[in-house]
Amino acid sequence: MGNKLDIADANMFVLKNEQHGYRELIVSYKTMYINTFNCMVIDLTDKLIIFRHESFQLWESQVRGFLTSKSHDFVILSREGICIIGLGSDDARKYKD
């Protein structure tokens, strides 16, 4: 059975750290009709959603999401600007443009 929710600009990343003992799946996509961009972090060990981000995004506008390799931040690039979601293990970081 299909569903009527169209998605686009989907991305999937696997984040794993053997030292801290975690494996996570990061999934992002934008949805039609409700005009949102969603990012979810799923714990692959427990199969639970441990983080969810939802923001406004027009279906007609392009958006890209990617995971940085060093700091494990998820960066969302759109016409409106840049959104950075800190998924790494550090409590706080300063960003400099």
PDB file of N, CA and C in Angstrom:
ATOM      1  N   MET A   1       0.840  -1.171   0.000  1.00  0.00           N
ATOM      2  CA  MET A   1       0.000   0.000   0.000  1.00  0.00           C
ATOM      3  C   MET A   1       0.888   1.239   0.000  1.00  0.00           C
ATOM      4  N   GLY A   2       0.661   2.123  -0.942  1.00  0.00           N
ATOM      5  CA  GLY A   2       1.465   3.332  -1.035  1.00  0.00           C
ATOM      6  C   GLY A   2       0.910   4.440  -0.153  1.00  0.00           C
ATOM      7  N   ASN A   3       1.708   5.452   0.030  1.00  0.00           N
ATOM      8  CA  ASN A   3       1.195   6.603   0.758  1.00  0.00           C
ATOM      9  C   ASN A   3       1.232   7.810  -0.167  1.00  0.00           C
ATOM     10  N   LYS A   4       0.536   8.852   0.196  1.00  0.00           N
ATOM     11  CA  LYS A   4       0.387  10.009  -0.683  1.00  0.00           C
ATOM     12  C   LYS A   4       1.305  11.159  -0.288  1.00  0.00           C
ATOM     13  N   LEU A   5       2.290  10.895   0.531  1.00  0.00           N
ATOM     14  CA  LEU A   5       3.223  11.921   0.958  1.00  0.00           C
ATOM     15  C   LEU A   5       4.446  11.880   0.054  1.00  0.00           C
ATOM     16  N   ASP A   6       4.593  12.882  -0.789  1.00  0.00           N
ATOM     17  CA  ASP A   6       5.744  12.962  -1.677  1.00  0.00           C
ATOM     18  C   ASP A   6       6.932  13.546  -0.923  1.00  0.00           C
ATOM     19  N   ILE A   7       8.122  12.962  -1.140  1.00  0.00           N
ATOM     20  CA  ILE A   7       9.343  13.485  -0.538  1.00  0.00           C
ATOM     21  C   ILE A   7      10.367  13.726  -1.641  1.00  0.00           C
ATOM     22  N   ALA A   8      11.336  14.588  -1.333  1.00  0.00           N
ATOM     23  CA  ALA A   8      12.430  14.878  -2.265  1.00  0.00           C
ATOM     24  C   ALA A   8      13.645  15.325  -1.463  1.00  0.00           C
ATOM     25  N   ASP A   9      14.748  15.521  -2.164  1.00  0.00           N
ATOM     26  CA  ASP A   9      16.016  15.962  -1.559  1.00  0.00           C
ATOM     27  C   ASP A   9      16.364  15.119  -0.328  1.00  0.00           C
ATOM     28  N   ALA A  10      16.233  13.814  -0.469  1.00  0.00           N
ATOM     29  CA  ALA A  10      16.505  12.900   0.643  1.00  0.00           C
ATOM     30  C   ALA A  10      17.994  12.579   0.735  1.00  0.00           C
ATOM     31  N   ASN A  11      18.473  12.427   1.964  1.00  0.00           N
ATOM     32  CA  ASN A  11      19.862  12.066   2.237  1.00  0.00           C
ATOM     33  C   ASN A  11      19.901  11.076   3.390  1.00  0.00           C
ATOM     34  N   MET A  12      20.868  10.165   3.354  1.00  0.00           N
ATOM     35  CA  MET A  12      21.083   9.219   4.454  1.00  0.00           C
ATOM     36  C   MET A  12      22.575   9.128   4.745  1.00  0.00           C
ATOM     37  N   PHE A  13      22.896   9.143   6.025  1.00  0.00           N
ATOM     38  CA  PHE A  13      24.285   9.029   6.468  1.00  0.00           C
ATOM     39  C   PHE A  13      24.329   8.083   7.661  1.00  0.00           C
ATOM     40  N   VAL A  14      25.436   7.359   7.805  1.00  0.00           N
ATOM     41  CA  VAL A  14      25.656   6.509   8.971  1.00  0.00           C
ATOM     42  C   VAL A  14      26.772   7.132   9.788  1.00  0.00           C
ATOM     43  N   LEU A  15      26.487   7.350  11.055  1.00  0.00           N
ATOM     44  CA  LEU A  15      27.459   7.927  11.979  1.00  0.00           C
ATOM     45  C   LEU A  15      27.794   6.862  13.008  1.00  0.00           C
ATOM     46  N   LYS A  16      29.064   6.468  13.056  1.00  0.00           N
ATOM     47  CA  LYS A  16      29.448   5.459  14.044  1.00  0.00           C
ATOM     48  C   LYS A  16      30.747   5.856  14.715  1.00  0.00           C
ATOM     49  N   ASN A  17      30.847   5.487  15.968  1.00  0.00           N
ATOM     50  CA  ASN A  17      32.025   5.772  16.760  1.00  0.00           C
ATOM     51  C   ASN A  17      32.297   4.552  17.623  1.00  0.00           C
ATOM     52  N   GLU A  18      33.335   3.826  17.300  1.00  0.00           N
ATOM     53  CA  GLU A  18      33.669   2.609  18.044  1.00  0.00           C
ATOM     54  C   GLU A  18      34.125   2.921  19.463  1.00  0.00           C
ATOM     55  N   GLN A  19      34.778   4.071  19.656  1.00  0.00           N
ATOM     56  CA  GLN A  19      35.285   4.443  20.973  1.00  0.00           C
ATOM     57  C   GLN A  19      34.149   4.693  21.959  1.00  0.00           C
ATOM     58  N   HIS A  20      33.112   5.414  21.507  1.00  0.00           N
ATOM     59  CA  HIS A  20      31.971   5.704  22.378  1.00  0.00           C
ATOM     60  C   HIS A  20      30.869   4.658  22.244  1.00  0.00           C
ATOM     61  N   GLY A  21      30.984   3.768  21.276  1.00  0.00           N
ATOM     62  CA  GLY A  21      30.074   2.653  21.137  1.00  0.00           C
ATOM     63  C   GLY A  21      28.686   3.012  20.628  1.00  0.00           C
ATOM     64  N   TYR A  22      28.585   3.837  19.601  1.00  0.00           N
ATOM     65  CA  TYR A  22      27.269   4.131  19.041  1.00  0.00           C
ATOM     66  C   TYR A  22      27.294   4.040  17.522  1.00  0.00           C
ATOM     67  N   ARG A  23      26.138   3.687  16.966  1.00  0.00           N
ATOM     68  CA  ARG A  23      25.912   3.677  15.522  1.00  0.00           C
ATOM     69  C   ARG A  23      24.559   4.331  15.290  1.00  0.00           C
ATOM     70  N   GLU A  24      24.565   5.349  14.456  1.00  0.00           N
ATOM     71  CA  GLU A  24      23.337   6.107  14.221  1.00  0.00           C
ATOM     72  C   GLU A  24      23.124   6.321  12.729  1.00  0.00           C
ATOM     73  N   LEU A  25      21.872   6.345  12.334  1.00  0.00           N
ATOM     74  CA  LEU A  25      21.477   6.615  10.969  1.00  0.00           C
ATOM     75  C   LEU A  25      20.843   7.996  10.938  1.00  0.00           C
ATOM     76  N   ILE A  26      21.348   8.882  10.075  1.00  0.00           N
ATOM     77  CA  ILE A  26      20.802  10.227   9.924  1.00  0.00           C
ATOM     78  C   ILE A  26      20.058  10.267   8.593  1.00  0.00           C
ATOM     79  N   VAL A  27      18.768  10.572   8.643  1.00  0.00           N
ATOM     80  CA  VAL A  27      17.908  10.621   7.468  1.00  0.00           C
ATOM     81  C   VAL A  27      17.318  12.019   7.375  1.00  0.00           C
ATOM     82  N   SER A  28      17.376  12.617   6.174  1.00  0.00           N
ATOM     83  CA  SER A  28      16.762  13.929   5.978  1.00  0.00           C
ATOM     84  C   SER A  28      16.005  13.944   4.653  1.00  0.00           C
ATOM     85  N   TYR A  29      14.938  14.728   4.612  1.00  0.00           N
ATOM     86  CA  TYR A  29      14.108  14.825   3.414  1.00  0.00           C
ATOM     87  C   TYR A  29      13.163  16.012   3.547  1.00  0.00           C
ATOM     88  N   LYS A  30      12.663  16.498   2.393  1.00  0.00           N
ATOM     89  CA  LYS A  30      11.632  17.521   2.433  1.00  0.00           C
ATOM     90  C   LYS A  30      10.325  16.905   1.950  1.00  0.00           C
ATOM     91  N   THR A  31       9.205  17.427   2.439  1.00  0.00           N
ATOM     92  CA  THR A  31       7.904  16.863   2.128  1.00  0.00           C
ATOM     93  C   THR A  31       7.041  17.856   1.361  1.00  0.00           C
ATOM     94  N   MET A  32       6.210  17.304   0.488  1.00  0.00           N
ATOM     95  CA  MET A  32       5.279  18.109  -0.298  1.00  0.00           C
ATOM     96  C   MET A  32       3.999  18.315   0.511  1.00  0.00           C
ATOM     97  N   TYR A  33       3.285  19.367   0.230  1.00  0.00           N
ATOM     98  CA  TYR A  33       2.002  19.735   0.844  1.00  0.00           C
ATOM     99  C   TYR A  33       2.154  20.298   2.253  1.00  0.00           C
ATOM    100  N   ILE A  34       2.984  19.701   3.099  1.00  0.00           N
ATOM    101  CA  ILE A  34       3.154  20.282   4.429  1.00  0.00           C
ATOM    102  C   ILE A  34       4.403  21.166   4.509  1.00  0.00           C
ATOM    103  N   ASN A  35       5.202  21.196   3.433  1.00  0.00           N
ATOM    104  CA  ASN A  35       6.345  22.112   3.291  1.00  0.00           C
ATOM    105  C   ASN A  35       7.288  22.084   4.485  1.00  0.00           C
ATOM    106  N   THR A  36       7.834  20.933   4.783  1.00  0.00           N
ATOM    107  CA  THR A  36       8.803  20.827   5.871  1.00  0.00           C
ATOM    108  C   THR A  36      10.053  20.107   5.385  1.00  0.00           C
ATOM    109  N   PHE A  37      11.157  20.402   6.060  1.00  0.00           N
ATOM    110  CA  PHE A  37      12.397  19.656   5.891  1.00  0.00           C
ATOM    111  C   PHE A  37      12.629  18.943   7.209  1.00  0.00           C
ATOM    112  N   ASN A  38      12.790  17.642   7.171  1.00  0.00           N
ATOM    113  CA  ASN A  38      12.919  16.822   8.374  1.00  0.00           C
ATOM    114  C   ASN A  38      14.291  16.187   8.434  1.00  0.00           C
ATOM    115  N   CYS A  39      14.825  16.125   9.627  1.00  0.00           N
ATOM    116  CA  CYS A  39      16.079  15.431   9.886  1.00  0.00           C
ATOM    117  C   CYS A  39      15.869  14.572  11.128  1.00  0.00           C
ATOM    118  N   MET A  40      16.140  13.279  10.990  1.00  0.00           N
ATOM    119  CA  MET A  40      15.975  12.356  12.117  1.00  0.00           C
ATOM    120  C   MET A  40      17.270  11.592  12.342  1.00  0.00           C
ATOM    121  N   VAL A  41      17.581  11.374  13.611  1.00  0.00           N
ATOM    122  CA  VAL A  41      18.716  10.548  13.999  1.00  0.00           C
ATOM    123  C   VAL A  41      18.141   9.304  14.662  1.00  0.00           C
ATOM    124  N   ILE A  42      18.476   8.138  14.101  1.00  0.00           N
ATOM    125  CA  ILE A  42      17.938   6.870  14.583  1.00  0.00           C
ATOM    126  C   ILE A  42      19.086   6.040  15.141  1.00  0.00           C
ATOM    127  N   ASP A  43      18.934   5.589  16.380  1.00  0.00           N
ATOM    128  CA  ASP A  43      19.924   4.717  17.005  1.00  0.00           C
ATOM    129  C   ASP A  43      19.772   3.329  16.405  1.00  0.00           C
ATOM    130  N   LEU A  44      20.813   2.834  15.746  1.00  0.00           N
ATOM    131  CA  LEU A  44      20.736   1.544  15.078  1.00  0.00           C
ATOM    132  C   LEU A  44      20.785   0.371  16.049  1.00  0.00           C
ATOM    133  N   THR A  45      21.265   0.581  17.253  1.00  0.00           N
ATOM    134  CA  THR A  45      21.300  -0.483  18.251  1.00  0.00           C
ATOM    135  C   THR A  45      19.909  -0.712  18.835  1.00  0.00           C
ATOM    136  N   ASP A  46      19.267   0.375  19.301  1.00  0.00           N
ATOM    137  CA  ASP A  46      17.947   0.273  19.930  1.00  0.00           C
ATOM    138  C   ASP A  46      16.793   0.451  18.958  1.00  0.00           C
ATOM    139  N   LYS A  47      17.101   0.929  17.723  1.00  0.00           N
ATOM    140  CA  LYS A  47      16.091   1.205  16.696  1.00  0.00           C
ATOM    141  C   LYS A  47      15.064   2.229  17.180  1.00  0.00           C
ATOM    142  N   LEU A  48      15.553   3.280  17.827  1.00  0.00           N
ATOM    143  CA  LEU A  48      14.715   4.358  18.330  1.00  0.00           C
ATOM    144  C   LEU A  48      15.144   5.679  17.718  1.00  0.00           C
ATOM    145  N   ILE A  49      14.196   6.581  17.517  1.00  0.00           N
ATOM    146  CA  ILE A  49      14.519   7.935  17.070  1.00  0.00           C
ATOM    147  C   ILE A  49      15.015   8.704  18.288  1.00  0.00           C
ATOM    148  N   ILE A  50      16.254   9.179  18.234  1.00  0.00           N
ATOM    149  CA  ILE A  50      16.822   9.885  19.386  1.00  0.00           C
ATOM    150  C   ILE A  50      16.856  11.397  19.183  1.00  0.00           C
ATOM    151  N   PHE A  51      16.643  11.853  17.934  1.00  0.00           N
ATOM    152  CA  PHE A  51      16.616  13.290  17.671  1.00  0.00           C
ATOM    153  C   PHE A  51      15.781  13.522  16.427  1.00  0.00           C
ATOM    154  N   ARG A  52      14.978  14.600  16.459  1.00  0.00           N
ATOM    155  CA  ARG A  52      14.169  14.950  15.293  1.00  0.00           C
ATOM    156  C   ARG A  52      14.139  16.461  15.153  1.00  0.00           C
ATOM    157  N   HIS A  53      14.418  16.923  13.943  1.00  0.00           N
ATOM    158  CA  HIS A  53      14.377  18.351  13.632  1.00  0.00           C
ATOM    159  C   HIS A  53      13.410  18.547  12.470  1.00  0.00           C
ATOM    160  N   GLU A  54      12.546  19.543  12.585  1.00  0.00           N
ATOM    161  CA  GLU A  54      11.603  19.868  11.514  1.00  0.00           C
ATOM    162  C   GLU A  54      11.601  21.371  11.313  1.00  0.00           C
ATOM    163  N   SER A  55      11.756  21.802  10.064  1.00  0.00           N
ATOM    164  CA  SER A  55      11.758  23.230   9.765  1.00  0.00           C
ATOM    165  C   SER A  55      10.971  23.493   8.488  1.00  0.00           C
ATOM    166  N   PHE A  56      10.533  24.728   8.307  1.00  0.00           N
ATOM    167  CA  PHE A  56       9.760  25.108   7.139  1.00  0.00           C
ATOM    168  C   PHE A  56      10.643  25.102   5.900  1.00  0.00           C
ATOM    169  N   GLN A  57      10.148  24.516   4.825  1.00  0.00           N
ATOM    170  CA  GLN A  57      10.872  24.486   3.558  1.00  0.00           C
ATOM    171  C   GLN A  57       9.858  24.358   2.431  1.00  0.00           C
ATOM    172  N   LEU A  58       9.812  25.329   1.548  1.00  0.00           N
ATOM    173  CA  LEU A  58       8.910  25.249   0.411  1.00  0.00           C
ATOM    174  C   LEU A  58       9.301  24.097  -0.504  1.00  0.00           C
ATOM    175  N   TRP A  59       8.324  23.399  -1.024  1.00  0.00           N
ATOM    176  CA  TRP A  59       8.569  22.276  -1.918  1.00  0.00           C
ATOM    177  C   TRP A  59       9.313  22.714  -3.169  1.00  0.00           C
ATOM    178  N   GLU A  60       8.996  23.913  -3.661  1.00  0.00           N
ATOM    179  CA  GLU A  60       9.581  24.400  -4.902  1.00  0.00           C
ATOM    180  C   GLU A  60      11.047  24.807  -4.743  1.00  0.00           C
ATOM    181  N   SER A  61      11.482  25.095  -3.546  1.00  0.00           N
ATOM    182  CA  SER A  61      12.855  25.544  -3.297  1.00  0.00           C
ATOM    183  C   SER A  61      13.781  24.355  -3.069  1.00  0.00           C
ATOM    184  N   GLN A  62      14.998  24.486  -3.574  1.00  0.00           N
ATOM    185  CA  GLN A  62      15.978  23.431  -3.362  1.00  0.00           C
ATOM    186  C   GLN A  62      16.574  23.523  -1.964  1.00  0.00           C
ATOM    187  N   VAL A  63      16.890  22.382  -1.413  1.00  0.00           N
ATOM    188  CA  VAL A  63      17.529  22.300  -0.107  1.00  0.00           C
ATOM    189  C   VAL A  63      18.492  21.122  -0.140  1.00  0.00           C
ATOM    190  N   ARG A  64      19.606  21.253   0.556  1.00  0.00           N
ATOM    191  CA  ARG A  64      20.592  20.182   0.657  1.00  0.00           C
ATOM    192  C   ARG A  64      20.988  20.025   2.117  1.00  0.00           C
ATOM    193  N   GLY A  65      21.120  18.797   2.523  1.00  0.00           N
ATOM    194  CA  GLY A  65      21.587  18.502   3.868  1.00  0.00           C
ATOM    195  C   GLY A  65      22.758  17.548   3.797  1.00  0.00           C
ATOM    196  N   PHE A  66      23.760  17.774   4.631  1.00  0.00           N
ATOM    197  CA  PHE A  66      24.910  16.871   4.647  1.00  0.00           C
ATOM    198  C   PHE A  66      25.537  16.858   6.030  1.00  0.00           C
ATOM    199  N   LEU A  67      26.249  15.795   6.305  1.00  0.00           N
ATOM    200  CA  LEU A  67      26.917  15.586   7.582  1.00  0.00           C
ATOM    201  C   LEU A  67      28.392  15.899   7.417  1.00  0.00           C
ATOM    202  N   THR A  68      28.939  16.756   8.289  1.00  0.00           N
ATOM    203  CA  THR A  68      30.375  17.049   8.227  1.00  0.00           C
ATOM    204  C   THR A  68      31.147  15.900   8.859  1.00  0.00           C
ATOM    205  N   SER A  69      32.292  15.592   8.289  1.00  0.00           N
ATOM    206  CA  SER A  69      33.030  14.414   8.737  1.00  0.00           C
ATOM    207  C   SER A  69      33.803  14.630  10.037  1.00  0.00           C
ATOM    208  N   LYS A  70      34.267  15.832  10.283  1.00  0.00           N
ATOM    209  CA  LYS A  70      35.109  16.055  11.460  1.00  0.00           C
ATOM    210  C   LYS A  70      34.299  16.328  12.728  1.00  0.00           C
ATOM    211  N   SER A  71      33.368  17.276  12.666  1.00  0.00           N
ATOM    212  CA  SER A  71      32.638  17.667  13.875  1.00  0.00           C
ATOM    213  C   SER A  71      31.275  17.002  14.006  1.00  0.00           C
ATOM    214  N   HIS A  72      30.861  16.228  12.997  1.00  0.00           N
ATOM    215  CA  HIS A  72      29.564  15.537  12.990  1.00  0.00           C
ATOM    216  C   HIS A  72      28.400  16.494  13.164  1.00  0.00           C
ATOM    217  N   ASP A  73      28.489  17.641  12.514  1.00  0.00           N
ATOM    218  CA  ASP A  73      27.378  18.581  12.467  1.00  0.00           C
ATOM    219  C   ASP A  73      26.579  18.303  11.206  1.00  0.00           C
ATOM    220  N   PHE A  74      25.273  18.489  11.287  1.00  0.00           N
ATOM    221  CA  PHE A  74      24.435  18.348  10.107  1.00  0.00           C
ATOM    222  C   PHE A  74      24.132  19.749   9.598  1.00  0.00           C
ATOM    223  N   VAL A  75      24.488  20.014   8.352  1.00  0.00           N
ATOM    224  CA  VAL A  75      24.356  21.337   7.758  1.00  0.00           C
ATOM    225  C   VAL A  75      23.237  21.299   6.728  1.00  0.00           C
ATOM    226  N   ILE A  76      22.319  22.259   6.828  1.00  0.00           N
ATOM    227  CA  ILE A  76      21.224  22.381   5.882  1.00  0.00           C
ATOM    228  C   ILE A  76      21.426  23.672   5.099  1.00  0.00           C
ATOM    229  N   LEU A  77      21.561  23.551   3.782  1.00  0.00           N
ATOM    230  CA  LEU A  77      21.743  24.700   2.902  1.00  0.00           C
ATOM    231  C   LEU A  77      20.465  24.914   2.098  1.00  0.00           C
ATOM    232  N   SER A  78      19.930  26.112   2.167  1.00  0.00           N
ATOM    233  CA  SER A  78      18.750  26.452   1.378  1.00  0.00           C
ATOM    234  C   SER A  78      18.881  27.895   0.908  1.00  0.00           C
ATOM    235  N   ARG A  79      17.904  28.321   0.167  1.00  0.00           N
ATOM    236  CA  ARG A  79      17.909  29.693  -0.337  1.00  0.00           C
ATOM    237  C   ARG A  79      17.821  30.717   0.796  1.00  0.00           C
ATOM    238  N   GLU A  80      17.216  30.327   1.891  1.00  0.00           N
ATOM    239  CA  GLU A  80      17.064  31.220   3.030  1.00  0.00           C
ATOM    240  C   GLU A  80      18.323  31.340   3.877  1.00  0.00           C
ATOM    241  N   GLY A  81      19.259  30.408   3.726  1.00  0.00           N
ATOM    242  CA  GLY A  81      20.500  30.485   4.491  1.00  0.00           C
ATOM    243  C   GLY A  81      21.000  29.115   4.917  1.00  0.00           C
ATOM    244  N   ILE A  82      21.770  29.112   5.998  1.00  0.00           N
ATOM    245  CA  ILE A  82      22.408  27.904   6.513  1.00  0.00           C
ATOM    246  C   ILE A  82      21.866  27.613   7.903  1.00  0.00           C
ATOM    247  N   CYS A  83      21.577  26.360   8.162  1.00  0.00           N
ATOM    248  CA  CYS A  83      21.183  25.901   9.495  1.00  0.00           C
ATOM    249  C   CYS A  83      22.168  24.811   9.891  1.00  0.00           C
ATOM    250  N   ILE A  84      22.742  24.917  11.076  1.00  0.00           N
ATOM    251  CA  ILE A  84      23.707  23.924  11.555  1.00  0.00           C
ATOM    252  C   ILE A  84      23.129  23.258  12.794  1.00  0.00           C
ATOM    253  N   ILE A  85      23.033  21.937  12.726  1.00  0.00           N
ATOM    254  CA  ILE A  85      22.535  21.155  13.855  1.00  0.00           C
ATOM    255  C   ILE A  85      23.713  20.379  14.420  1.00  0.00           C
ATOM    256  N   GLY A  86      24.060  20.630  15.670  1.00  0.00           N
ATOM    257  CA  GLY A  86      25.192  19.959  16.303  1.00  0.00           C
ATOM    258  C   GLY A  86      24.827  18.552  16.747  1.00  0.00           C
ATOM    259  N   LEU A  87      25.237  17.554  15.983  1.00  0.00           N
ATOM    260  CA  LEU A  87      24.963  16.165  16.337  1.00  0.00           C
ATOM    261  C   LEU A  87      26.150  15.503  17.008  1.00  0.00           C
ATOM    262  N   GLY A  88      27.258  16.188  17.107  1.00  0.00           N
ATOM    263  CA  GLY A  88      28.463  15.619  17.704  1.00  0.00           C
ATOM    264  C   GLY A  88      28.355  15.496  19.204  1.00  0.00           C
ATOM    265  N   SER A  89      29.389  14.972  19.822  1.00  0.00           N
ATOM    266  CA  SER A  89      29.377  14.734  21.264  1.00  0.00           C
ATOM    267  C   SER A  89      29.807  15.955  22.080  1.00  0.00           C
ATOM    268  N   ASP A  90      30.283  17.025  21.429  1.00  0.00           N
ATOM    269  CA  ASP A  90      30.673  18.228  22.151  1.00  0.00           C
ATOM    270  C   ASP A  90      29.431  18.974  22.621  1.00  0.00           C
ATOM    271  N   ASP A  91      29.505  19.554  23.821  1.00  0.00           N
ATOM    272  CA  ASP A  91      28.355  20.281  24.363  1.00  0.00           C
ATOM    273  C   ASP A  91      28.096  21.581  23.616  1.00  0.00           C
ATOM    274  N   ALA A  92      29.132  22.355  23.365  1.00  0.00           N
ATOM    275  CA  ALA A  92      28.968  23.644  22.688  1.00  0.00           C
ATOM    276  C   ALA A  92      30.190  23.941  21.852  1.00  0.00           C
ATOM    277  N   ARG A  93      29.948  24.596  20.729  1.00  0.00           N
ATOM    278  CA  ARG A  93      31.043  24.987  19.837  1.00  0.00           C
ATOM    279  C   ARG A  93      30.755  26.392  19.328  1.00  0.00           C
ATOM    280  N   LYS A  94      31.808  27.118  19.033  1.00  0.00           N
ATOM    281  CA  LYS A  94      31.666  28.430  18.433  1.00  0.00           C
ATOM    282  C   LYS A  94      31.833  28.290  16.941  1.00  0.00           C
ATOM    283  N   TYR A  95      30.999  29.003  16.183  1.00  0.00           N
ATOM    284  CA  TYR A  95      31.092  29.010  14.726  1.00  0.00           C
ATOM    285  C   TYR A  95      31.543  30.379  14.275  1.00  0.00           C
ATOM    286  N   LYS A  96      32.408  30.386  13.298  1.00  0.00           N
ATOM    287  CA  LYS A  96      32.958  31.628  12.791  1.00  0.00           C
ATOM    288  C   LYS A  96      32.732  31.651  11.291  1.00  0.00           C
ATOM    289  N   ASP A  97      32.205  32.779  10.770  1.00  0.00           N
ATOM    290  CA  ASP A  97      31.950  32.852   9.335  1.00  0.00           C
ATOM    291  C   ASP A  97      33.171  33.332   8.584  1.00  0.00           C
TER     292      ASP A  97
END
